[in-house]
Amino acid sequence: MNCIASRIRTPTFLLITAAGVMVAVGCHDDMYNQPRYEPLEPSSFFADGRSSRPLVPGTILRDAIASDSVLATGRENGELVTELPVELTETLLQRGRERFNIFCSVCHGRTGEGNGMIVQRGFTKPPTYHSDRLRGVPIGHFFDVATHGFGRMPAYAAQVPVEDRWAIAAYIRALQLSQYAEVTELP
């Protein structure tokens, strides 16, 4: 009985294995050797002879900010903006505080005095945000410095998105106000 079952199983097993191998080889060849163009390779399919197609006119990257806008540069007519170009909300300030504590406080300290942890370990101290000079600069200055860097501070444009840089600038203004607000001005 064992011998008969073995004889029946062997041809069936061989048939299934052969079919599986043929399917696998067939699929691999079609998917592995697909017709395709390399970047910038000429093409006879399109009238202009190019395989790379130009963007449709008016195409804009999703969530993109125009590179010459006030939001992206912090400047209007070549001058640093004096007003925050986004709506000032509690959420914006909370985001600014969070991003400031992550990216800025290591040098500037949590209060903006310029006594962050790496300063305590010997790195050059940045100026305090509470100096008369920095309290008097336009808010666009903080965005510009975060974007392009200044002195020993590197540019953070690659690490911190535009919206977060504005949130940080707004939070720096809040830090400045926290040290110099008049009691009569408080609600």
N, C-alpha and C. Protein backbone atom coordinates (compact mmCIF):
# COMPACT_ATOMS: atom_id res chain seq x y z
N MET A 1 0.82 -1.19 0.00
CA MET A 1 0.00 0.00 0.00
C MET A 1 0.87 1.26 0.00
N ASN A 2 1.90 1.22 0.75
CA ASN A 2 2.83 2.34 0.81
C ASN A 2 3.47 2.58 -0.54
N CYS A 3 3.77 1.53 -1.24
CA CYS A 3 4.43 1.63 -2.54
C CYS A 3 3.51 2.28 -3.57
N ILE A 4 2.21 1.94 -3.56
CA ILE A 4 1.26 2.53 -4.52
C ILE A 4 1.07 4.02 -4.24
N ALA A 5 0.92 4.38 -2.99
CA ALA A 5 0.76 5.80 -2.64
C ALA A 5 1.99 6.59 -3.04
N SER A 6 3.14 6.00 -2.89
CA SER A 6 4.39 6.64 -3.25
C SER A 6 4.46 6.86 -4.76
N ARG A 7 4.00 5.88 -5.54
CA ARG A 7 4.02 5.99 -7.00
C ARG A 7 3.06 7.09 -7.48
N ILE A 8 1.95 7.23 -6.83
CA ILE A 8 0.98 8.25 -7.23
C ILE A 8 1.50 9.64 -6.86
N ARG A 9 2.11 9.76 -5.70
CA ARG A 9 2.59 11.05 -5.24
C ARG A 9 3.77 11.55 -6.06
N THR A 10 4.64 10.71 -6.47
CA THR A 10 5.83 11.13 -7.20
C THR A 10 5.50 11.83 -8.50
N PRO A 11 4.66 11.28 -9.40
CA PRO A 11 4.34 11.99 -10.65
C PRO A 11 3.60 13.31 -10.37
N THR A 12 2.71 13.29 -9.41
CA THR A 12 1.98 14.52 -9.08
C THR A 12 2.94 15.57 -8.56
N PHE A 13 3.82 15.17 -7.69
CA PHE A 13 4.81 16.10 -7.14
C PHE A 13 5.70 16.67 -8.25
N LEU A 14 6.16 15.81 -9.15
CA LEU A 14 7.01 16.26 -10.25
C LEU A 14 6.26 17.22 -11.18
N LEU A 15 5.00 16.92 -11.43
CA LEU A 15 4.19 17.77 -12.30
C LEU A 15 3.98 19.15 -11.67
N ILE A 16 3.66 19.19 -10.41
CA ILE A 16 3.45 20.47 -9.71
C ILE A 16 4.76 21.25 -9.64
N THR A 17 5.86 20.58 -9.36
CA THR A 17 7.15 21.25 -9.29
C THR A 17 7.54 21.83 -10.64
N ALA A 18 7.35 21.06 -11.71
CA ALA A 18 7.69 21.53 -13.06
C ALA A 18 6.83 22.74 -13.43
N ALA A 19 5.55 22.69 -13.12
CA ALA A 19 4.66 23.82 -13.43
C ALA A 19 5.09 25.06 -12.64
N GLY A 20 5.43 24.89 -11.38
CA GLY A 20 5.88 26.01 -10.55
C GLY A 20 7.14 26.65 -11.09
N VAL A 21 8.10 25.82 -11.50
CA VAL A 21 9.35 26.34 -12.05
C VAL A 21 9.09 27.11 -13.34
N MET A 22 8.23 26.59 -14.21
CA MET A 22 7.93 27.28 -15.47
C MET A 22 7.25 28.63 -15.22
N VAL A 23 6.33 28.66 -14.27
CA VAL A 23 5.66 29.93 -13.96
C VAL A 23 6.66 30.93 -13.39
N ALA A 24 7.50 30.48 -12.48
CA ALA A 24 8.48 31.38 -11.84
C ALA A 24 9.46 31.93 -12.86
N VAL A 25 9.94 31.08 -13.75
CA VAL A 25 10.90 31.52 -14.77
C VAL A 25 10.23 32.48 -15.73
N GLY A 26 9.01 32.21 -16.11
CA GLY A 26 8.28 33.07 -17.04
C GLY A 26 8.03 34.45 -16.44
N CYS A 27 7.61 34.51 -15.20
CA CYS A 27 7.34 35.80 -14.55
C CYS A 27 8.63 36.59 -14.36
N HIS A 28 9.67 35.91 -13.97
CA HIS A 28 10.93 36.60 -13.72
C HIS A 28 11.44 37.27 -14.98
N ASP A 29 11.37 36.57 -16.08
CA ASP A 29 11.89 37.12 -17.32
C ASP A 29 11.11 38.36 -17.73
N ASP A 30 9.79 38.32 -17.65
CA ASP A 30 8.99 39.46 -18.05
C ASP A 30 9.22 40.67 -17.14
N MET A 31 9.33 40.42 -15.86
CA MET A 31 9.48 41.52 -14.93
C MET A 31 10.92 42.01 -14.86
N TYR A 32 11.86 41.16 -15.11
CA TYR A 32 13.26 41.52 -15.02
C TYR A 32 13.71 42.29 -16.25
N ASN A 33 13.26 41.90 -17.40
CA ASN A 33 13.69 42.50 -18.66
C ASN A 33 12.58 43.37 -19.25
N GLN A 34 12.10 44.33 -18.49
CA GLN A 34 11.04 45.20 -18.98
C GLN A 34 11.60 46.25 -19.92
N PRO A 35 10.83 46.62 -20.92
CA PRO A 35 11.28 47.74 -21.76
C PRO A 35 11.18 49.03 -20.95
N ARG A 36 12.24 49.80 -20.94
CA ARG A 36 12.26 51.05 -20.19
C ARG A 36 13.30 51.98 -20.79
N TYR A 37 13.19 53.24 -20.42
CA TYR A 37 14.17 54.23 -20.84
C TYR A 37 15.01 54.63 -19.64
N GLU A 38 16.27 54.84 -19.88
CA GLU A 38 17.14 55.40 -18.86
C GLU A 38 16.89 56.90 -18.84
N PRO A 39 17.22 57.58 -17.76
CA PRO A 39 17.00 59.03 -17.72
C PRO A 39 17.70 59.75 -18.87
N LEU A 40 16.98 60.64 -19.51
CA LEU A 40 17.45 61.47 -20.62
C LEU A 40 17.84 60.69 -21.87
N GLU A 41 17.44 59.44 -21.96
CA GLU A 41 17.71 58.64 -23.15
C GLU A 41 16.79 59.09 -24.29
N PRO A 42 17.29 59.14 -25.53
CA PRO A 42 16.42 59.53 -26.65
C PRO A 42 15.29 58.52 -26.86
N SER A 43 14.19 59.02 -27.41
CA SER A 43 13.03 58.16 -27.67
C SER A 43 12.47 58.47 -29.04
N SER A 44 12.11 57.45 -29.76
CA SER A 44 11.47 57.66 -31.07
C SER A 44 9.95 57.71 -30.92
N PHE A 45 9.44 57.45 -29.73
CA PHE A 45 8.00 57.41 -29.51
C PHE A 45 7.38 58.81 -29.53
N PHE A 46 8.08 59.80 -28.90
CA PHE A 46 7.55 61.15 -28.83
C PHE A 46 8.15 62.01 -29.93
N ALA A 47 7.38 62.98 -30.38
CA ALA A 47 7.80 63.83 -31.50
C ALA A 47 9.06 64.63 -31.18
N ASP A 48 9.23 65.03 -29.91
CA ASP A 48 10.41 65.82 -29.56
C ASP A 48 11.65 64.96 -29.34
N GLY A 49 11.52 63.63 -29.43
CA GLY A 49 12.66 62.74 -29.32
C GLY A 49 13.17 62.50 -27.91
N ARG A 50 12.46 62.99 -26.89
CA ARG A 50 12.91 62.83 -25.50
C ARG A 50 12.07 61.78 -24.80
N SER A 51 12.71 60.97 -23.96
CA SER A 51 11.97 60.01 -23.15
C SER A 51 11.48 60.66 -21.86
N SER A 52 12.22 61.62 -21.33
CA SER A 52 11.80 62.34 -20.12
C SER A 52 10.79 63.40 -20.53
N ARG A 53 9.63 63.35 -19.92
CA ARG A 53 8.58 64.27 -20.29
C ARG A 53 8.62 65.53 -19.44
N PRO A 54 8.39 66.68 -20.05
CA PRO A 54 8.36 67.92 -19.27
C PRO A 54 7.11 67.95 -18.38
N LEU A 55 7.19 68.74 -17.30
CA LEU A 55 6.03 68.88 -16.41
C LEU A 55 4.91 69.60 -17.14
N VAL A 56 3.72 69.29 -16.78
CA VAL A 56 2.56 69.98 -17.33
C VAL A 56 2.64 71.44 -16.87
N PRO A 57 2.41 72.40 -17.76
CA PRO A 57 2.48 73.81 -17.35
C PRO A 57 1.58 74.09 -16.14
N GLY A 58 2.12 74.84 -15.19
CA GLY A 58 1.37 75.19 -14.00
C GLY A 58 1.48 74.17 -12.88
N THR A 59 2.29 73.13 -13.06
CA THR A 59 2.45 72.12 -12.02
C THR A 59 3.17 72.71 -10.82
N ILE A 60 2.63 72.46 -9.63
CA ILE A 60 3.24 72.93 -8.39
C ILE A 60 3.40 71.73 -7.48
N LEU A 61 4.55 71.65 -6.81
CA LEU A 61 4.76 70.57 -5.86
C LEU A 61 3.71 70.64 -4.77
N ARG A 62 3.28 69.50 -4.32
CA ARG A 62 2.29 69.45 -3.24
C ARG A 62 2.90 70.06 -1.98
N ASP A 63 2.17 70.92 -1.33
CA ASP A 63 2.59 71.61 -0.10
C ASP A 63 3.83 72.48 -0.31
N ALA A 64 4.12 72.87 -1.54
CA ALA A 64 5.30 73.68 -1.81
C ALA A 64 5.01 75.15 -1.51
N ILE A 65 6.04 75.85 -1.10
CA ILE A 65 5.95 77.28 -0.86
C ILE A 65 6.78 77.96 -1.93
N ALA A 66 6.22 78.97 -2.56
CA ALA A 66 6.97 79.68 -3.59
C ALA A 66 8.28 80.19 -2.99
N SER A 67 9.38 79.91 -3.67
CA SER A 67 10.70 80.21 -3.10
C SER A 67 10.98 81.71 -2.97
N ASP A 68 10.18 82.55 -3.63
CA ASP A 68 10.39 83.99 -3.52
C ASP A 68 9.36 84.66 -2.63
N SER A 69 8.52 83.88 -1.95
CA SER A 69 7.47 84.46 -1.11
C SER A 69 8.04 84.95 0.22
N VAL A 70 7.28 85.81 0.88
CA VAL A 70 7.66 86.31 2.20
C VAL A 70 7.79 85.15 3.18
N LEU A 71 6.90 84.19 3.06
CA LEU A 71 6.92 83.04 3.95
C LEU A 71 8.22 82.24 3.82
N ALA A 72 8.75 82.13 2.61
CA ALA A 72 9.96 81.33 2.38
C ALA A 72 11.25 82.10 2.61
N THR A 73 11.22 83.42 2.47
CA THR A 73 12.46 84.20 2.57
C THR A 73 12.56 85.05 3.83
N GLY A 74 11.41 85.42 4.40
CA GLY A 74 11.42 86.32 5.55
C GLY A 74 11.69 87.76 5.15
N ARG A 75 11.59 88.02 3.86
CA ARG A 75 11.86 89.36 3.34
C ARG A 75 10.73 89.81 2.42
N GLU A 76 10.51 91.12 2.46
CA GLU A 76 9.55 91.73 1.55
C GLU A 76 10.24 92.95 0.93
N ASN A 77 10.33 92.97 -0.38
CA ASN A 77 11.05 94.03 -1.10
C ASN A 77 12.49 94.14 -0.63
N GLY A 78 13.10 93.00 -0.31
CA GLY A 78 14.50 92.97 0.09
C GLY A 78 14.74 93.28 1.56
N GLU A 79 13.73 93.68 2.30
CA GLU A 79 13.86 94.04 3.71
C GLU A 79 13.28 92.93 4.59
N LEU A 80 13.89 92.71 5.74
CA LEU A 80 13.37 91.72 6.69
C LEU A 80 11.97 92.13 7.14
N VAL A 81 11.07 91.16 7.23
CA VAL A 81 9.70 91.48 7.65
C VAL A 81 9.67 91.79 9.14
N THR A 82 8.79 92.72 9.50
CA THR A 82 8.64 93.12 10.89
C THR A 82 7.44 92.45 11.55
N GLU A 83 6.55 91.91 10.71
CA GLU A 83 5.35 91.22 11.21
C GLU A 83 5.44 89.74 10.87
N LEU A 84 4.93 88.91 11.75
CA LEU A 84 4.90 87.47 11.52
C LEU A 84 3.98 87.18 10.34
N PRO A 85 4.45 86.48 9.29
CA PRO A 85 3.62 86.24 8.10
C PRO A 85 2.64 85.07 8.25
N VAL A 86 2.56 84.50 9.42
CA VAL A 86 1.59 83.44 9.71
C VAL A 86 0.76 83.87 10.91
N GLU A 87 -0.38 83.25 11.08
CA GLU A 87 -1.26 83.62 12.20
C GLU A 87 -0.63 83.20 13.52
N LEU A 88 -0.60 84.13 14.46
CA LEU A 88 -0.06 83.86 15.78
C LEU A 88 -1.13 83.19 16.62
N THR A 89 -0.89 81.92 16.96
CA THR A 89 -1.83 81.16 17.77
C THR A 89 -1.08 80.48 18.91
N GLU A 90 -1.84 79.98 19.85
CA GLU A 90 -1.22 79.25 20.95
C GLU A 90 -0.54 77.98 20.42
N THR A 91 -1.17 77.35 19.44
CA THR A 91 -0.58 76.14 18.83
C THR A 91 0.76 76.46 18.18
N LEU A 92 0.83 77.61 17.50
CA LEU A 92 2.09 78.01 16.86
C LEU A 92 3.17 78.21 17.92
N LEU A 93 2.84 78.88 19.00
CA LEU A 93 3.83 79.12 20.06
C LEU A 93 4.25 77.81 20.74
N GLN A 94 3.32 76.89 20.92
CA GLN A 94 3.68 75.59 21.51
C GLN A 94 4.62 74.83 20.58
N ARG A 95 4.32 74.87 19.29
CA ARG A 95 5.19 74.22 18.31
C ARG A 95 6.56 74.90 18.31
N GLY A 96 6.57 76.22 18.37
CA GLY A 96 7.83 76.97 18.41
C GLY A 96 8.66 76.61 19.63
N ARG A 97 8.00 76.50 20.79
CA ARG A 97 8.72 76.13 22.01
C ARG A 97 9.32 74.73 21.88
N GLU A 98 8.52 73.81 21.33
CA GLU A 98 9.00 72.43 21.15
C GLU A 98 10.21 72.39 20.22
N ARG A 99 10.12 73.04 19.08
CA ARG A 99 11.21 73.06 18.10
C ARG A 99 12.42 73.82 18.65
N PHE A 100 12.18 74.92 19.36
CA PHE A 100 13.27 75.68 19.97
C PHE A 100 14.03 74.81 20.96
N ASN A 101 13.30 74.09 21.80
CA ASN A 101 13.95 73.23 22.79
C ASN A 101 14.75 72.11 22.14
N ILE A 102 14.31 71.65 20.99
CA ILE A 102 15.03 70.59 20.29
C ILE A 102 16.27 71.13 19.58
N PHE A 103 16.11 72.18 18.78
CA PHE A 103 17.17 72.64 17.90
C PHE A 103 18.01 73.79 18.46
N CYS A 104 17.43 74.65 19.28
CA CYS A 104 18.10 75.91 19.65
C CYS A 104 18.63 75.93 21.07
N SER A 105 17.95 75.26 21.98
CA SER A 105 18.29 75.40 23.40
C SER A 105 19.67 74.83 23.75
N VAL A 106 20.21 73.95 22.93
CA VAL A 106 21.54 73.41 23.24
C VAL A 106 22.59 74.51 23.25
N CYS A 107 22.40 75.56 22.47
CA CYS A 107 23.31 76.71 22.48
C CYS A 107 22.70 77.88 23.25
N HIS A 108 21.45 78.22 22.91
CA HIS A 108 20.83 79.43 23.43
C HIS A 108 20.22 79.25 24.82
N GLY A 109 20.12 78.03 25.30
CA GLY A 109 19.47 77.79 26.60
C GLY A 109 17.96 77.86 26.45
N ARG A 110 17.25 77.32 27.41
CA ARG A 110 15.79 77.28 27.33
C ARG A 110 15.15 78.65 27.48
N THR A 111 15.85 79.60 28.06
CA THR A 111 15.29 80.94 28.24
C THR A 111 15.83 81.94 27.23
N GLY A 112 16.76 81.51 26.39
CA GLY A 112 17.32 82.41 25.38
C GLY A 112 18.46 83.27 25.88
N GLU A 113 19.02 82.94 27.03
CA GLU A 113 20.12 83.72 27.62
C GLU A 113 21.47 83.42 26.95
N GLY A 114 21.55 82.33 26.19
CA GLY A 114 22.82 81.97 25.54
C GLY A 114 23.68 81.08 26.41
N ASN A 115 23.07 80.37 27.34
CA ASN A 115 23.83 79.51 28.26
C ASN A 115 23.43 78.04 28.13
N GLY A 116 23.29 77.58 26.91
CA GLY A 116 22.91 76.19 26.68
C GLY A 116 23.99 75.21 27.11
N MET A 117 23.67 73.95 27.04
CA MET A 117 24.56 72.89 27.53
C MET A 117 25.92 72.89 26.84
N ILE A 118 25.95 73.08 25.52
CA ILE A 118 27.26 73.02 24.87
C ILE A 118 28.09 74.27 25.17
N VAL A 119 27.43 75.36 25.52
CA VAL A 119 28.15 76.56 25.95
C VAL A 119 28.80 76.27 27.30
N GLN A 120 28.08 75.58 28.16
CA GLN A 120 28.62 75.22 29.47
C GLN A 120 29.81 74.27 29.35
N ARG A 121 29.91 73.63 28.20
CA ARG A 121 31.03 72.70 27.97
C ARG A 121 32.13 73.30 27.11
N GLY A 122 32.08 74.62 26.90
CA GLY A 122 33.20 75.28 26.25
C GLY A 122 32.95 75.87 24.88
N PHE A 123 31.80 75.65 24.28
CA PHE A 123 31.50 76.21 22.97
C PHE A 123 31.26 77.71 23.10
N THR A 124 31.52 78.46 22.04
CA THR A 124 31.35 79.91 22.06
C THR A 124 29.91 80.28 22.41
N LYS A 125 29.75 81.21 23.31
CA LYS A 125 28.43 81.64 23.77
C LYS A 125 27.76 82.52 22.72
N PRO A 126 26.52 82.19 22.33
CA PRO A 126 25.79 83.07 21.41
C PRO A 126 25.24 84.27 22.19
N PRO A 127 24.86 85.34 21.50
CA PRO A 127 24.30 86.49 22.21
C PRO A 127 22.95 86.14 22.83
N THR A 128 22.62 86.80 23.92
CA THR A 128 21.32 86.60 24.55
C THR A 128 20.23 87.24 23.68
N TYR A 129 19.08 86.59 23.64
CA TYR A 129 17.95 87.17 22.91
C TYR A 129 17.38 88.38 23.64
N HIS A 130 17.80 88.58 24.86
CA HIS A 130 17.24 89.64 25.69
C HIS A 130 18.06 90.94 25.64
N SER A 131 19.05 90.99 24.77
CA SER A 131 19.83 92.22 24.61
C SER A 131 18.98 93.26 23.87
N ASP A 132 19.30 94.52 24.07
CA ASP A 132 18.57 95.59 23.38
C ASP A 132 18.66 95.43 21.87
N ARG A 133 19.84 95.04 21.40
CA ARG A 133 20.03 94.88 19.95
C ARG A 133 19.08 93.84 19.38
N LEU A 134 18.99 92.65 19.99
CA LEU A 134 18.14 91.60 19.43
C LEU A 134 16.66 91.81 19.73
N ARG A 135 16.34 92.54 20.77
CA ARG A 135 14.92 92.86 21.00
C ARG A 135 14.44 93.85 19.95
N GLY A 136 15.36 94.60 19.35
CA GLY A 136 14.98 95.61 18.36
C GLY A 136 15.01 95.14 16.92
N VAL A 137 15.49 93.94 16.64
CA VAL A 137 15.55 93.48 15.25
C VAL A 137 14.17 93.01 14.78
N PRO A 138 13.91 93.07 13.48
CA PRO A 138 12.64 92.55 12.97
C PRO A 138 12.56 91.04 13.18
N ILE A 139 11.35 90.53 13.26
CA ILE A 139 11.16 89.09 13.48
C ILE A 139 11.74 88.29 12.32
N GLY A 140 11.79 88.89 11.13
CA GLY A 140 12.39 88.21 9.98
C GLY A 140 13.86 87.90 10.19
N HIS A 141 14.52 88.62 11.08
CA HIS A 141 15.93 88.37 11.38
C HIS A 141 16.12 86.96 11.95
N PHE A 142 15.26 86.56 12.89
CA PHE A 142 15.40 85.24 13.50
C PHE A 142 15.14 84.13 12.49
N PHE A 143 14.16 84.36 11.61
CA PHE A 143 13.88 83.40 10.54
C PHE A 143 15.07 83.31 9.60
N ASP A 144 15.63 84.46 9.23
CA ASP A 144 16.76 84.52 8.30
C ASP A 144 17.99 83.81 8.87
N VAL A 145 18.27 84.05 10.15
CA VAL A 145 19.43 83.42 10.79
C VAL A 145 19.22 81.90 10.88
N ALA A 146 18.01 81.47 11.22
CA ALA A 146 17.73 80.03 11.28
C ALA A 146 17.85 79.40 9.89
N THR A 147 17.51 80.16 8.87
CA THR A 147 17.55 79.64 7.50
C THR A 147 18.97 79.59 6.95
N HIS A 148 19.72 80.68 7.11
CA HIS A 148 21.04 80.79 6.48
C HIS A 148 22.22 80.67 7.43
N GLY A 149 21.96 80.70 8.72
CA GLY A 149 23.05 80.67 9.69
C GLY A 149 23.64 82.06 9.86
N PHE A 150 24.48 82.20 10.90
CA PHE A 150 25.11 83.49 11.17
C PHE A 150 26.27 83.25 12.12
N GLY A 151 27.44 83.76 11.79
CA GLY A 151 28.60 83.55 12.64
C GLY A 151 28.90 82.06 12.78
N ARG A 152 28.96 81.58 14.01
CA ARG A 152 29.22 80.16 14.24
C ARG A 152 27.98 79.29 14.12
N MET A 153 26.82 79.91 14.05
CA MET A 153 25.58 79.14 13.94
C MET A 153 25.40 78.65 12.51
N PRO A 154 25.19 77.34 12.35
CA PRO A 154 24.98 76.82 11.00
C PRO A 154 23.55 77.08 10.51
N ALA A 155 23.34 76.92 9.23
CA ALA A 155 22.00 77.03 8.65
C ALA A 155 21.18 75.82 9.07
N TYR A 156 19.91 76.04 9.38
CA TYR A 156 19.02 74.95 9.77
C TYR A 156 17.91 74.72 8.75
N ALA A 157 18.02 75.29 7.57
CA ALA A 157 16.98 75.14 6.55
C ALA A 157 16.76 73.68 6.17
N ALA A 158 17.81 72.89 6.17
CA ALA A 158 17.67 71.48 5.78
C ALA A 158 17.02 70.64 6.88
N GLN A 159 17.17 71.06 8.14
CA GLN A 159 16.63 70.27 9.25
C GLN A 159 15.26 70.75 9.71
N VAL A 160 15.00 72.05 9.60
CA VAL A 160 13.78 72.63 10.17
C VAL A 160 12.92 73.20 9.04
N PRO A 161 11.71 72.69 8.86
CA PRO A 161 10.83 73.21 7.79
C PRO A 161 10.49 74.68 7.99
N VAL A 162 10.07 75.33 6.93
CA VAL A 162 9.76 76.76 6.94
C VAL A 162 8.76 77.11 8.05
N GLU A 163 7.68 76.36 8.14
CA GLU A 163 6.65 76.66 9.15
C GLU A 163 7.21 76.59 10.55
N ASP A 164 8.10 75.64 10.81
CA ASP A 164 8.70 75.51 12.13
C ASP A 164 9.69 76.63 12.42
N ARG A 165 10.37 77.13 11.38
CA ARG A 165 11.28 78.25 11.60
C ARG A 165 10.50 79.50 12.00
N TRP A 166 9.31 79.69 11.40
CA TRP A 166 8.47 80.82 11.81
C TRP A 166 7.94 80.61 13.22
N ALA A 167 7.61 79.38 13.56
CA ALA A 167 7.13 79.07 14.92
C ALA A 167 8.24 79.37 15.93
N ILE A 168 9.46 79.03 15.59
CA ILE A 168 10.60 79.32 16.48
C ILE A 168 10.79 80.83 16.62
N ALA A 169 10.70 81.56 15.51
CA ALA A 169 10.85 83.02 15.56
C ALA A 169 9.77 83.63 16.46
N ALA A 170 8.54 83.15 16.34
CA ALA A 170 7.46 83.65 17.20
C ALA A 170 7.74 83.32 18.66
N TYR A 171 8.25 82.13 18.91
CA TYR A 171 8.56 81.75 20.29
C TYR A 171 9.71 82.59 20.86
N ILE A 172 10.69 82.93 20.05
CA ILE A 172 11.79 83.80 20.50
C ILE A 172 11.21 85.16 20.93
N ARG A 173 10.27 85.68 20.14
CA ARG A 173 9.62 86.94 20.52
C ARG A 173 8.88 86.77 21.86
N ALA A 174 8.23 85.62 22.07
CA ALA A 174 7.54 85.37 23.34
C ALA A 174 8.54 85.31 24.49
N LEU A 175 9.70 84.70 24.24
CA LEU A 175 10.75 84.67 25.27
C LEU A 175 11.20 86.08 25.61
N GLN A 176 11.38 86.90 24.59
CA GLN A 176 11.79 88.28 24.82
C GLN A 176 10.75 89.04 25.62
N LEU A 177 9.49 88.86 25.26
CA LEU A 177 8.42 89.54 25.99
C LEU A 177 8.32 89.04 27.43
N SER A 178 8.63 87.79 27.65
CA SER A 178 8.53 87.23 29.00
C SER A 178 9.50 87.90 29.96
N GLN A 179 10.57 88.46 29.45
CA GLN A 179 11.58 89.09 30.30
C GLN A 179 11.38 90.59 30.42
N TYR A 180 10.63 91.20 29.49
CA TYR A 180 10.56 92.66 29.47
C TYR A 180 9.13 93.19 29.42
N ALA A 181 8.15 92.36 29.67
CA ALA A 181 6.76 92.84 29.66
C ALA A 181 6.51 93.66 30.92
N GLU A 182 5.80 94.76 30.75
CA GLU A 182 5.41 95.61 31.88
C GLU A 182 4.21 94.96 32.55
N VAL A 183 4.15 95.03 33.85
CA VAL A 183 3.05 94.45 34.62
C VAL A 183 1.73 95.05 34.18
N THR A 184 1.72 96.32 33.84
CA THR A 184 0.50 96.99 33.42
C THR A 184 0.00 96.49 32.06
N GLU A 185 0.89 95.88 31.27
CA GLU A 185 0.51 95.38 29.95
C GLU A 185 -0.08 93.98 30.00
N LEU A 186 0.05 93.30 31.13
CA LEU A 186 -0.44 91.93 31.24
C LEU A 186 -1.95 91.92 31.45
N PRO A 187 -2.66 90.97 30.85
CA PRO A 187 -4.12 90.89 31.04
C PRO A 187 -4.47 90.39 32.43
